[in-house]
N, C-alpha and C. Protein backbone atom coordinates (compact mmCIF):
# COMPACT_ATOMS: atom_id res chain seq x y z
N MET A 1 41.36 115.63 75.26
CA MET A 1 42.39 115.05 75.73
C MET A 1 43.57 114.16 75.33
N THR A 2 42.99 112.74 74.81
CA THR A 2 43.98 112.25 74.21
C THR A 2 44.96 112.65 73.14
N ASP A 3 44.37 113.25 72.26
CA ASP A 3 45.29 113.90 71.35
C ASP A 3 46.56 114.87 72.26
N LYS A 4 46.27 115.50 72.98
CA LYS A 4 47.00 116.07 73.76
C LYS A 4 48.27 115.21 74.59
N ARG A 5 47.67 114.34 75.41
CA ARG A 5 48.34 113.18 75.49
C ARG A 5 49.48 112.60 74.82
N LEU A 6 48.49 112.35 74.13
CA LEU A 6 49.45 111.60 72.53
C LEU A 6 50.71 112.49 71.97
N LEU A 7 50.32 113.76 72.11
CA LEU A 7 51.60 114.75 71.70
C LEU A 7 52.30 114.93 72.55
N TYR A 8 52.02 114.79 74.08
CA TYR A 8 53.25 114.72 75.26
C TYR A 8 54.37 113.56 74.96
N ARG A 9 53.41 112.26 74.70
CA ARG A 9 54.02 111.55 74.87
C ARG A 9 55.18 111.27 73.80
N VAL A 10 54.65 111.49 72.62
CA VAL A 10 55.57 112.04 71.42
C VAL A 10 56.94 112.94 71.50
N ILE A 11 56.62 114.04 72.33
CA ILE A 11 57.79 115.12 72.56
C ILE A 11 58.44 114.08 73.31
N ILE A 12 57.90 113.59 74.94
CA ILE A 12 58.68 112.99 75.99
C ILE A 12 60.18 112.04 75.01
N LYS A 13 59.32 111.17 73.92
CA LYS A 13 59.93 110.11 73.25
C LYS A 13 61.20 110.59 72.32
N LEU A 14 60.83 111.35 71.27
CA LEU A 14 61.75 112.43 70.88
C LEU A 14 63.01 112.73 71.40
N MET A 15 62.56 113.38 72.79
CA MET A 15 63.38 114.11 73.30
C MET A 15 64.46 112.95 74.25
N ALA A 16 63.95 112.14 74.40
CA ALA A 16 65.02 110.76 75.17
C ALA A 16 65.53 110.05 74.19
N VAL A 17 65.04 109.49 73.21
CA VAL A 17 65.91 109.21 71.53
C VAL A 17 66.58 110.26 71.56
N SER A 18 66.28 111.72 71.24
CA SER A 18 67.30 112.55 70.78
C SER A 18 68.72 112.65 71.85
N GLY A 19 68.52 112.31 73.43
CA GLY A 19 69.20 112.35 74.50
C GLY A 19 70.33 111.47 74.34
N ILE A 20 70.04 109.99 73.96
CA ILE A 20 70.39 109.21 74.00
C ILE A 20 71.44 108.52 73.00
N ILE A 21 71.31 109.66 71.57
CA ILE A 21 71.91 109.74 70.48
C ILE A 21 73.23 110.75 70.98
N ALA A 22 72.96 111.70 71.57
CA ALA A 22 73.66 112.99 71.77
C ALA A 22 74.45 112.05 72.63
N LEU A 23 74.50 111.38 73.41
CA LEU A 23 74.96 110.74 74.61
C LEU A 23 76.15 110.00 73.88
N LEU A 24 76.26 109.26 73.06
CA LEU A 24 76.16 108.25 72.10
C LEU A 24 77.64 108.44 71.27
N PHE A 25 76.81 110.34 71.20
CA PHE A 25 78.04 110.69 69.84
C PHE A 25 79.12 111.34 70.87
N VAL A 26 78.73 111.80 72.23
CA VAL A 26 79.75 112.24 73.04
C VAL A 26 80.75 110.93 73.32
N PHE A 27 80.30 109.78 74.06
CA PHE A 27 81.21 108.77 73.78
C PHE A 27 82.00 108.38 72.45
N LEU A 28 81.44 107.96 71.26
CA LEU A 28 81.87 107.87 70.41
C LEU A 28 83.38 108.78 70.07
N ASN A 29 82.88 110.40 70.23
CA ASN A 29 83.96 111.19 70.09
C ASN A 29 84.81 111.05 71.17
N ALA A 30 84.63 110.96 72.46
CA ALA A 30 85.45 110.37 73.20
C ALA A 30 86.72 109.45 73.22
N THR A 31 85.81 108.20 72.35
CA THR A 31 86.61 107.33 72.12
C THR A 31 87.57 107.44 70.77
N PHE A 32 87.55 107.97 70.10
CA PHE A 32 88.57 108.27 68.90
C PHE A 32 88.72 109.51 69.08
N ASN A 33 88.78 110.54 69.88
CA ASN A 33 89.38 111.67 69.63
C ASN A 33 89.79 112.38 71.28
N SER A 34 90.95 111.83 71.35
CA SER A 34 91.53 112.02 73.27
C SER A 34 91.24 113.55 73.44
N GLY A 35 91.30 114.36 72.41
CA GLY A 35 91.39 115.37 72.68
C GLY A 35 93.06 116.37 73.63
N LEU A 36 94.09 115.29 73.35
CA LEU A 36 95.24 115.60 73.89
C LEU A 36 95.81 116.47 72.72
N GLU A 37 96.45 117.32 73.04
CA GLU A 37 97.36 118.03 71.45
C GLU A 37 98.82 117.50 71.86
N THR A 38 99.40 116.96 71.31
CA THR A 38 101.21 116.30 71.10
C THR A 38 101.99 117.75 71.30
N GLU A 39 102.35 118.38 72.07
CA GLU A 39 103.24 119.33 71.82
C GLU A 39 104.47 119.11 73.08
N GLU A 40 105.81 119.38 72.72
CA GLU A 40 106.50 119.19 73.46
C GLU A 40 106.27 120.22 74.81
N VAL A 41 106.01 119.60 75.85
CA VAL A 41 106.40 120.46 77.14
C VAL A 41 108.10 120.35 77.82
N GLU A 42 108.19 121.36 78.36
CA GLU A 42 109.46 121.54 79.04
C GLU A 42 109.39 121.30 80.04
N VAL A 43 110.30 120.66 81.18
CA VAL A 43 109.89 120.04 82.18
C VAL A 43 111.19 120.74 83.17
N MET A 44 110.73 121.06 84.39
CA MET A 44 111.42 122.31 84.83
C MET A 44 112.23 121.19 85.82
N PRO A 45 113.46 121.80 85.80
CA PRO A 45 114.27 120.54 86.90
C PRO A 45 113.66 121.00 88.49
N ASP A 46 114.30 119.85 89.13
CA ASP A 46 113.72 120.32 90.58
C ASP A 46 114.34 121.79 91.39
N GLU A 47 113.63 122.28 91.87
CA GLU A 47 113.98 123.05 92.92
C GLU A 47 115.46 123.48 93.03
N ILE A 48 116.04 124.58 93.39
CA ILE A 48 117.66 124.40 94.10
C ILE A 48 117.54 125.78 94.94
N ILE A 49 117.57 125.22 96.37
CA ILE A 49 117.79 126.49 97.47
C ILE A 49 119.17 126.35 97.76
N SER A 50 119.53 127.89 98.25
CA SER A 50 120.80 128.49 98.68
C SER A 50 120.63 128.71 99.84
N LEU A 51 121.56 128.30 100.93
CA LEU A 51 121.59 128.91 102.31
C LEU A 51 122.72 128.71 102.83
N LYS A 52 122.66 130.41 103.65
CA LYS A 52 124.35 130.42 104.07
C LYS A 52 124.31 129.85 105.01
N LEU A 53 125.29 129.26 105.74
CA LEU A 53 125.47 128.11 106.66
C LEU A 53 125.62 129.29 107.99
N ALA A 54 126.23 130.64 107.64
CA ALA A 54 126.23 131.32 109.17
C ALA A 54 124.83 131.52 109.53
N MET A 55 123.93 130.97 109.04
CA MET A 55 122.14 131.23 109.63
C MET A 55 121.75 129.64 110.79
N VAL A 56 122.71 128.62 110.69
CA VAL A 56 122.49 127.61 110.91
C VAL A 56 122.99 127.81 112.36
N THR A 57 122.76 126.55 113.22
CA THR A 57 122.96 126.82 114.68
C THR A 57 123.24 125.49 115.05
N SER A 58 123.57 125.45 116.50
CA SER A 58 123.69 123.59 117.15
C SER A 58 122.40 123.64 117.97
N THR A 59 121.75 124.92 118.47
CA THR A 59 120.68 124.66 119.28
C THR A 59 119.46 124.41 118.62
N GLU A 60 119.25 124.85 117.39
CA GLU A 60 117.87 124.22 116.71
C GLU A 60 118.25 124.57 115.11
N PRO A 61 117.23 123.61 114.31
CA PRO A 61 117.50 123.15 113.02
C PRO A 61 116.64 124.55 112.32
N THR A 62 117.62 124.71 111.57
CA THR A 62 117.33 125.80 110.11
C THR A 62 116.23 125.13 109.21
N ASN A 63 115.21 125.51 109.23
CA ASN A 63 114.26 124.79 108.30
C ASN A 63 114.16 125.83 107.05
N VAL A 64 114.05 125.33 105.67
CA VAL A 64 113.72 125.65 104.72
C VAL A 64 112.85 125.16 103.35
N VAL A 65 112.02 125.28 102.83
CA VAL A 65 110.93 124.25 101.81
C VAL A 65 111.91 124.21 100.50
N TRP A 66 111.70 122.75 100.13
CA TRP A 66 112.29 122.79 99.04
C TRP A 66 111.52 121.47 98.41
N ASN A 67 110.61 121.92 96.94
CA ASN A 67 109.81 120.81 96.83
C ASN A 67 108.60 120.92 97.38
N ASN A 68 108.26 121.55 97.50
CA ASN A 68 107.23 121.57 99.13
C ASN A 68 107.12 121.05 99.58
N GLN A 69 108.39 120.38 100.38
CA GLN A 69 108.71 119.50 101.58
C GLN A 69 110.17 120.23 102.71
N ARG A 70 109.80 120.25 103.78
CA ARG A 70 110.40 120.92 105.09
C ARG A 70 111.72 119.86 104.79
N VAL A 71 112.96 120.97 104.66
CA VAL A 71 114.15 120.55 104.51
C VAL A 71 114.81 121.06 106.36
N ALA A 72 115.32 120.46 106.63
CA ALA A 72 116.26 121.28 107.94
C ALA A 72 117.60 120.86 108.02
N VAL A 73 118.46 122.13 108.68
CA VAL A 73 119.63 121.37 108.71
C VAL A 73 120.54 122.19 110.13
N ILE A 74 121.13 121.28 110.67
CA ILE A 74 121.57 121.37 112.12
C ILE A 74 122.94 121.22 112.19
N LYS A 75 123.58 122.66 112.58
CA LYS A 75 124.75 122.02 112.92
C LYS A 75 125.52 121.09 114.22
N ARG A 76 126.16 120.16 114.03
CA ARG A 76 126.71 119.22 115.12
C ARG A 76 127.43 120.05 115.94
N ASP A 77 127.87 119.83 117.17
CA ASP A 77 128.91 120.67 117.85
C ASP A 77 129.80 119.80 117.86
N GLY A 78 131.15 120.54 118.56
CA GLY A 78 132.53 119.62 118.87
C GLY A 78 132.51 118.32 118.89
N ALA A 79 132.04 117.69 119.81
CA ALA A 79 132.23 116.55 120.80
C ALA A 79 131.39 115.30 119.58
N GLN A 80 130.32 115.67 118.87
CA GLN A 80 129.27 114.83 118.54
C GLN A 80 130.40 114.57 116.74
N GLN A 81 131.21 115.75 116.85
CA GLN A 81 131.71 115.64 115.29
C GLN A 81 133.01 114.81 115.20
N MET A 82 133.76 115.00 116.51
CA MET A 82 135.02 114.55 116.77
C MET A 82 134.43 112.81 117.05
N GLN A 83 133.34 112.41 117.97
CA GLN A 83 132.60 111.48 118.09
C GLN A 83 132.45 110.83 116.29
N LEU A 84 131.98 111.24 115.48
CA LEU A 84 131.61 110.80 114.11
C LEU A 84 132.99 110.52 112.91
N ILE A 85 134.21 111.82 113.43
CA ILE A 85 135.49 111.59 113.03
C ILE A 85 136.11 110.16 113.67
N GLN A 86 136.16 110.03 114.54
CA GLN A 86 136.85 108.62 114.75
C GLN A 86 136.08 107.53 114.23
N ALA A 87 134.83 107.20 113.69
CA ALA A 87 134.89 106.04 113.46
C ALA A 87 135.22 106.29 111.67
N THR A 88 135.34 107.54 111.03
CA THR A 88 135.92 107.13 109.88
C THR A 88 136.05 109.24 109.75
N SER A 89 137.16 109.20 109.19
CA SER A 89 137.89 110.51 108.94
C SER A 89 137.88 111.11 107.37
N LYS A 90 137.11 109.89 106.72
CA LYS A 90 136.68 110.42 105.28
C LYS A 90 135.83 110.48 104.92
N SER A 91 135.18 111.69 104.23
CA SER A 91 133.73 111.80 104.06
C SER A 91 133.72 111.25 102.73
N PRO A 92 131.84 111.16 102.48
CA PRO A 92 131.56 110.28 101.62
C PRO A 92 131.42 111.21 100.23
N SER A 93 131.64 110.44 99.15
CA SER A 93 131.27 111.54 97.86
C SER A 93 129.78 112.03 97.96
N ALA A 94 129.48 112.82 97.05
CA ALA A 94 128.52 113.31 96.93
C ALA A 94 127.15 112.56 95.91
N SER A 95 126.68 111.68 96.95
CA SER A 95 125.55 110.88 95.89
C SER A 95 124.94 110.30 96.91
N ALA A 96 123.73 109.46 96.77
CA ALA A 96 123.08 109.25 97.34
C ALA A 96 123.43 108.19 98.26
N ASN A 97 123.81 106.91 97.47
CA ASN A 97 124.22 105.99 97.73
C ASN A 97 125.59 105.92 99.23
N SER A 98 126.26 106.83 98.47
CA SER A 98 127.12 106.88 99.22
C SER A 98 127.27 107.73 100.65
N VAL A 99 126.17 108.96 100.80
CA VAL A 99 125.98 109.07 102.20
C VAL A 99 124.76 108.60 102.88
N GLU A 100 124.37 107.96 102.52
CA GLU A 100 123.34 106.61 102.90
C GLU A 100 124.49 105.96 103.85
N GLN A 101 125.34 105.18 103.50
CA GLN A 101 125.84 104.19 103.86
C GLN A 101 126.76 104.84 104.56
N HIS A 102 127.52 105.87 104.69
CA HIS A 102 128.81 106.44 105.19
C HIS A 102 127.68 106.36 106.74
N PRO A 103 129.17 106.92 108.08
CA PRO A 103 128.68 106.59 109.30
C PRO A 103 128.12 108.09 109.50
N TRP A 104 128.69 109.32 109.08
CA TRP A 104 127.71 110.83 109.30
C TRP A 104 126.46 111.10 108.28
N ARG A 105 126.50 109.92 107.59
CA ARG A 105 125.40 110.22 106.38
C ARG A 105 124.88 112.09 106.43
N SER A 106 126.20 112.36 105.96
CA SER A 106 125.99 113.85 105.53
C SER A 106 127.45 114.08 104.65
N ILE A 107 127.37 114.92 104.07
CA ILE A 107 128.70 115.00 103.12
C ILE A 107 129.80 116.05 104.12
N ASP A 108 129.67 116.72 105.27
CA ASP A 108 130.29 117.56 105.96
C ASP A 108 130.12 117.03 107.46
N VAL A 109 130.55 116.59 108.57
CA VAL A 109 130.58 116.22 109.33
C VAL A 109 129.98 117.32 110.24
N SER A 110 130.53 118.64 110.09
CA SER A 110 129.80 119.68 110.97
C SER A 110 128.42 119.80 110.76
N TYR A 111 127.80 119.47 109.65
CA TYR A 111 126.24 119.54 109.43
C TYR A 111 125.70 118.85 109.20
N PHE A 112 124.47 118.40 109.38
CA PHE A 112 123.74 117.57 109.25
C PHE A 112 122.16 117.75 108.19
N VAL A 113 122.01 117.72 107.12
CA VAL A 113 120.79 118.04 106.30
C VAL A 113 119.74 117.08 105.99
N TYR A 114 118.80 117.04 106.26
CA TYR A 114 117.65 116.04 106.44
C TYR A 114 116.13 116.69 106.11
N MET A 115 114.85 115.55 105.82
CA MET A 115 114.27 115.79 105.38
C MET A 115 113.15 115.62 107.37
N ASP A 116 112.81 117.03 107.10
CA ASP A 116 112.02 117.08 108.62
C ASP A 116 111.05 116.72 108.54
N LYS A 117 110.93 115.61 108.21
CA LYS A 117 109.26 114.93 108.78
C LYS A 117 109.76 113.21 109.45
N GLY A 118 109.01 112.47 109.84
CA GLY A 118 109.30 111.50 110.94
C GLY A 118 109.09 110.36 109.89
N ASP A 119 109.03 109.19 110.45
CA ASP A 119 108.85 107.70 109.74
C ASP A 119 107.17 107.82 109.56
N SER A 120 106.65 108.41 109.98
CA SER A 120 104.78 107.85 109.88
C SER A 120 104.03 109.56 110.22
N GLY A 121 103.66 109.30 109.13
CA GLY A 121 102.26 110.47 108.74
C GLY A 121 102.76 111.50 108.58
N HIS A 122 104.17 111.90 108.21
CA HIS A 122 104.43 113.37 107.93
C HIS A 122 104.53 114.42 108.67
N CYS A 123 104.56 113.84 109.99
CA CYS A 123 105.02 114.93 111.04
C CYS A 123 106.01 115.26 111.41
N PRO A 124 106.35 116.61 111.49
CA PRO A 124 107.55 117.01 111.80
C PRO A 124 108.41 116.65 113.00
N LEU A 125 109.46 117.18 112.99
CA LEU A 125 110.26 116.70 114.03
C LEU A 125 110.80 117.70 115.08
N PHE A 126 110.89 117.12 116.36
CA PHE A 126 111.15 118.38 117.50
C PHE A 126 113.02 117.73 117.86
N PHE A 127 113.67 118.40 118.02
CA PHE A 127 114.85 118.65 118.28
C PHE A 127 114.86 119.27 119.66
N ASP A 128 115.48 118.04 120.86
CA ASP A 128 115.89 118.25 122.13
C ASP A 128 117.11 118.70 122.87
N GLY A 129 117.95 118.64 121.85
CA GLY A 129 118.98 118.99 122.24
C GLY A 129 120.54 117.94 121.80
N ASP A 130 119.97 116.37 121.74
CA ASP A 130 120.79 115.48 121.36
C ASP A 130 120.14 114.48 120.51
N SER A 131 118.94 114.64 120.16
CA SER A 131 118.36 113.89 119.22
C SER A 131 117.07 114.39 118.84
N PHE A 132 116.20 113.54 117.72
CA PHE A 132 114.91 114.04 117.04
C PHE A 132 113.68 113.44 117.67
N LYS A 133 113.18 113.77 117.70
CA LYS A 133 111.41 112.81 118.06
C LYS A 133 110.67 113.17 117.45
N ASP A 134 110.12 112.15 116.67
CA ASP A 134 109.02 111.95 115.88
C ASP A 134 107.51 112.55 116.45
N THR A 135 106.99 113.62 115.98
CA THR A 135 106.25 114.17 116.61
C THR A 135 104.80 113.22 117.23
N CYS A 136 104.65 112.28 116.29
CA CYS A 136 103.04 111.21 115.78
C CYS A 136 103.84 110.17 116.66
N SER A 137 104.48 109.04 116.08
CA SER A 137 105.16 107.75 116.43
C SER A 137 105.97 107.98 117.43
N GLY A 138 106.36 108.92 118.16
CA GLY A 138 107.47 109.06 119.20
C GLY A 138 108.82 108.53 119.16
N ASN A 139 108.94 107.59 118.16
CA ASN A 139 110.72 107.32 117.76
C ASN A 139 111.15 108.61 117.98
N ARG A 140 112.58 107.99 118.38
CA ARG A 140 113.66 108.93 118.12
C ARG A 140 114.88 108.75 117.24
N PHE A 141 115.28 109.94 117.15
CA PHE A 141 116.53 109.70 115.72
C PHE A 141 117.74 110.27 116.29
N ASP A 142 118.85 110.11 116.33
CA ASP A 142 120.36 110.82 116.75
C ASP A 142 120.37 111.93 115.22
N LEU A 143 122.02 112.30 116.35
CA LEU A 143 122.40 113.31 114.47
C LEU A 143 122.50 112.73 113.68
N THR A 144 122.81 111.65 113.35
CA THR A 144 122.78 111.24 111.90
C THR A 144 121.67 110.43 111.25
N GLY A 145 120.97 110.68 111.96
CA GLY A 145 119.19 110.49 111.51
C GLY A 145 118.96 109.04 111.38
N ARG A 146 119.54 108.19 112.28
CA ARG A 146 119.45 107.17 112.40
C ARG A 146 118.74 106.77 113.59
N GLN A 147 117.24 105.99 113.28
CA GLN A 147 116.57 105.59 114.98
C GLN A 147 117.24 104.94 115.93
N ILE A 148 117.22 105.53 116.80
CA ILE A 148 117.34 105.20 118.11
C ILE A 148 117.02 103.86 118.66
N GLY A 149 117.73 102.83 118.87
CA GLY A 149 116.94 101.62 118.98
C GLY A 149 116.04 100.76 117.88
N GLY A 150 116.44 100.99 117.00
CA GLY A 150 115.28 100.69 115.56
C GLY A 150 116.39 100.65 114.05
N SER A 151 115.62 100.16 113.31
CA SER A 151 116.19 100.53 111.96
C SER A 151 115.98 101.45 110.96
N ARG A 152 115.05 102.23 111.50
CA ARG A 152 114.56 103.59 110.03
C ARG A 152 115.92 104.41 110.15
N THR A 153 115.11 105.18 109.21
CA THR A 153 116.53 106.54 109.31
C THR A 153 115.78 107.76 108.65
N LEU A 154 116.20 108.62 108.67
CA LEU A 154 115.88 109.77 108.20
C LEU A 154 115.69 110.17 106.87
N LYS A 155 114.92 110.66 105.96
CA LYS A 155 115.73 110.82 104.47
C LYS A 155 116.38 111.92 104.39
N ILE A 156 117.53 111.59 103.77
CA ILE A 156 118.32 112.73 103.19
C ILE A 156 118.56 113.41 101.46
N PRO A 157 118.22 114.99 101.71
CA PRO A 157 117.62 115.72 100.19
C PRO A 157 119.06 115.48 99.60
N PRO A 158 118.91 115.76 98.57
CA PRO A 158 120.30 115.94 97.74
C PRO A 158 120.75 117.04 97.75
N HIS A 159 122.49 117.48 98.39
CA HIS A 159 123.05 118.88 98.71
C HIS A 159 124.43 118.35 98.44
N TYR A 160 124.93 119.50 98.05
CA TYR A 160 126.09 119.72 98.07
C TYR A 160 126.33 121.06 98.96
N TYR A 161 128.18 121.69 98.95
CA TYR A 161 128.48 122.64 99.61
C TYR A 161 129.31 123.64 98.31
N ALA A 162 128.99 124.35 97.77
CA ALA A 162 129.29 125.16 96.46
C ALA A 162 130.44 125.92 96.89
N GLN A 163 130.20 126.65 98.35
CA GLN A 163 131.67 127.40 98.76
C GLN A 163 131.70 127.52 99.94
N ALA A 164 132.52 128.11 100.92
CA ALA A 164 132.81 127.97 101.58
C ALA A 164 131.80 128.93 101.95
N GLY A 165 130.55 128.36 102.84
CA GLY A 165 129.94 128.94 103.63
C GLY A 165 128.19 128.98 102.98
N GLU A 166 128.46 128.41 102.14
CA GLU A 166 126.97 128.02 101.24
C GLU A 166 126.79 126.65 101.04
N LEU A 167 125.36 126.23 101.35
CA LEU A 167 124.75 124.98 101.23
C LEU A 167 124.02 125.33 100.23
N VAL A 168 123.82 123.97 99.17
CA VAL A 168 122.86 124.25 97.98
C VAL A 168 122.01 123.17 97.95
N ILE A 169 120.84 122.82 98.22
CA ILE A 169 120.07 121.30 98.76
C ILE A 169 119.00 121.71 97.19
N GLY A 170 119.24 120.79 96.71
CA GLY A 170 118.34 119.82 95.42
C GLY A 170 119.28 119.29 94.32
N ARG A 171 120.81 119.32 94.51
CA ARG A 171 121.43 118.33 93.30
C ARG A 171 122.38 118.12 94.72
N TRP A 172 122.96 116.63 93.60
CA TRP A 172 124.23 115.75 94.86
C TRP A 172 125.59 117.06 94.34
N LYS A 173 125.65 117.38 93.02
CA LYS A 173 126.73 117.93 93.00
C LYS A 173 126.61 119.01 92.01
N ALA A 174 127.58 119.81 91.70
CA ALA A 174 127.21 120.98 90.95
C ALA A 174 127.34 120.59 89.38
N ASN A 175 127.17 120.66 88.45
CA ASN A 175 126.93 120.62 86.84
C ASN A 175 128.09 121.12 86.26
């Protein structure tokens, strides 16, 4: 009996030692060989979406998906446009800073392009005719994307108007 016990002990000890050696080999191999190949990877530019403005209405936002995010476009009615033009009649340049600082918060006074998510938890916005409501927090935003009674604003995606009746989402201007 003792010979078998001794044999099993030796076998278990050999298995444990060989396992520890294999584990050390894996650790050392991982330390000195990262396994990463150094090839240049072509980075794809951000997705560009073209939208026909004839589809956009003033009663309900038109939604598209850009870079896995919801973007919405709504047409402002005549009274809203006149109110914004009274603040300033000069449109902003097509850049993030210019649009953020401008009273319209849009390149064209006729349309408002915004990320369709509220200021909390990525909840969608509900349009009730004259303002947007964050479905999670209950915060309201006007048609320039500014919070009513607060300081937060909706995010504006890069966009420009390529030609009459076409909105391009994904860049601030054509290259």
